[in-house]
């Protein structure tokens, strides 16, 4: 390979390489907080994970699941909810509606208009 051909090849590689690197960086890591009254994994949580996998979200690749367990203590929910908000998760999920109560006082309502 002659010098001119090599420089042309190298120049083409430097133009396409940053574009491919940018394309890979656009794949965003989704952070989901899971708050529950339970003390550990439940069947509904396994179903939640399975549903996420069917949608293309794989833990460790494009998904981070952050669990907070209240161990049956309702008085811990507000503190755990606040902790998840401080961790800046994209969404908070739960396996019971009772868990949503602490968020009414710790979040700003989303404008509907």
Protein backbone atom coordinates (compact mmCIF):
# COMPACT_ATOMS: atom_id res chain seq x y z
CA UNK A 1 0.00 0.00 0.00
CA UNK A 2 1.35 3.36 -0.97
CA UNK A 3 1.53 6.30 1.38
CA UNK A 4 -1.22 8.28 -0.39
CA UNK A 5 -3.63 5.31 -0.30
CA UNK A 6 -2.89 4.79 3.38
CA UNK A 7 -3.57 8.44 4.24
CA UNK A 8 -6.85 8.33 2.27
CA UNK A 9 -7.91 5.16 4.08
CA UNK A 10 -6.96 6.62 7.46
CA UNK A 11 -8.83 9.86 6.70
CA UNK A 12 -11.98 7.91 5.81
CA UNK A 13 -11.73 5.90 9.02
CA UNK A 14 -11.47 9.00 11.18
CA UNK A 15 -14.61 10.44 9.60
CA UNK A 16 -16.73 7.32 10.11
CA UNK A 17 -15.36 6.29 13.50
CA UNK A 18 -16.70 9.27 15.50
CA UNK A 19 -20.12 8.87 13.88
CA UNK A 20 -20.34 5.23 14.90
CA UNK A 21 -19.16 6.11 18.41
CA UNK A 22 -21.89 8.75 18.68
CA UNK A 23 -24.49 6.28 17.49
CA UNK A 24 -23.54 3.89 20.26
CA UNK A 25 -23.70 6.63 22.88
CA UNK A 26 -27.29 7.58 22.00
CA UNK A 27 -28.49 4.32 23.52
CA UNK A 28 -29.61 5.56 26.90
CA UNK A 29 -29.46 3.64 30.15
CA UNK A 30 -32.92 3.60 31.75
CA UNK A 31 -33.03 3.74 35.56
CA UNK A 32 -36.15 2.34 37.23
CA UNK A 33 -36.71 2.51 40.95
CA UNK A 34 -38.88 -0.24 42.44
CA UNK A 35 -40.42 0.50 45.84
CA UNK A 36 -42.26 -2.21 47.71
CA UNK A 37 -43.58 -3.08 51.15
CA UNK A 38 -42.09 -6.56 50.74
CA UNK A 39 -38.86 -7.79 52.31
CA UNK A 40 -37.47 -9.27 49.10
CA UNK A 41 -38.31 -10.29 45.55
CA UNK A 42 -41.94 -11.20 44.90
CA UNK A 43 -43.60 -13.02 41.97
CA UNK A 44 -45.03 -9.72 40.71
CA UNK A 45 -41.52 -8.26 40.54
CA UNK A 46 -40.32 -11.22 38.48
CA UNK A 47 -43.26 -10.61 36.13
CA UNK A 48 -42.30 -6.94 35.92
CA UNK A 49 -38.74 -7.86 34.94
CA UNK A 50 -40.02 -10.35 32.36
CA UNK A 51 -42.28 -7.70 30.85
CA UNK A 52 -39.38 -5.28 30.60
CA UNK A 53 -37.30 -7.94 28.82
CA UNK A 54 -40.10 -8.46 26.31
CA UNK A 55 -39.96 -4.73 25.60
CA UNK A 56 -36.21 -4.95 24.96
CA UNK A 57 -34.95 -3.72 28.33
CA UNK A 58 -32.20 -5.95 29.71
CA UNK A 59 -30.77 -5.35 33.15
CA UNK A 60 -27.07 -4.57 32.90
CA UNK A 61 -27.28 -3.59 29.21
CA UNK A 62 -29.78 -0.76 28.85
CA UNK A 63 -31.58 -0.98 32.20
CA UNK A 64 -30.76 -0.47 35.86
CA UNK A 65 -33.31 -1.60 38.44
CA UNK A 66 -32.91 -0.03 41.87
CA UNK A 67 -34.88 -1.78 44.61
CA UNK A 68 -36.00 -0.39 47.93
CA UNK A 69 -37.67 -2.74 50.42
CA UNK A 70 -39.86 -1.40 53.24
CA UNK A 71 -39.88 -4.80 55.01
CA UNK A 72 -43.61 -4.45 55.76
CA UNK A 73 -43.12 -1.11 57.53
CA UNK A 74 -45.37 1.55 56.05
CA UNK A 75 -43.56 4.24 58.04
CA UNK A 76 -40.43 3.62 55.91
CA UNK A 77 -42.15 4.32 52.57
CA UNK A 78 -41.70 8.11 52.63
CA UNK A 79 -37.96 7.87 53.35
CA UNK A 80 -37.43 5.20 50.70
CA UNK A 81 -39.44 7.22 48.17
CA UNK A 82 -37.31 10.27 48.89
CA UNK A 83 -34.16 8.18 48.48
CA UNK A 84 -35.28 6.98 45.04
CA UNK A 85 -36.04 10.55 43.98
CA UNK A 86 -32.55 11.63 45.05
CA UNK A 87 -31.08 8.82 42.94
CA UNK A 88 -32.71 10.53 39.94
CA UNK A 89 -34.47 7.47 38.56
CA UNK A 90 -36.47 7.83 35.34
CA UNK A 91 -39.56 6.16 36.75
CA UNK A 92 -40.66 4.58 40.01
CA UNK A 93 -42.64 1.35 39.92
CA UNK A 94 -44.34 -0.62 42.64
CA UNK A 95 -46.44 -3.71 43.13
CA UNK A 96 -49.01 -1.95 45.32
CA UNK A 97 -50.90 1.37 45.12
CA UNK A 98 -50.20 2.11 48.79
CA UNK A 99 -46.61 2.88 47.89
CA UNK A 100 -47.65 5.87 45.75
CA UNK A 101 -48.92 7.88 48.75
CA UNK A 102 -45.50 9.27 49.84
CA UNK A 103 -44.97 10.69 46.35
CA UNK A 104 -47.97 13.00 46.65
CA UNK A 105 -46.04 15.15 49.11
CA UNK A 106 -42.51 14.68 47.75
CA UNK A 107 -42.96 15.49 44.05
CA UNK A 108 -44.16 18.37 41.95
CA UNK A 109 -47.30 17.63 39.91
CA UNK A 110 -46.73 17.20 36.18
CA UNK A 111 -48.60 19.90 34.21
CA UNK A 112 -51.24 18.37 31.97
CA UNK A 113 -51.42 21.22 29.47
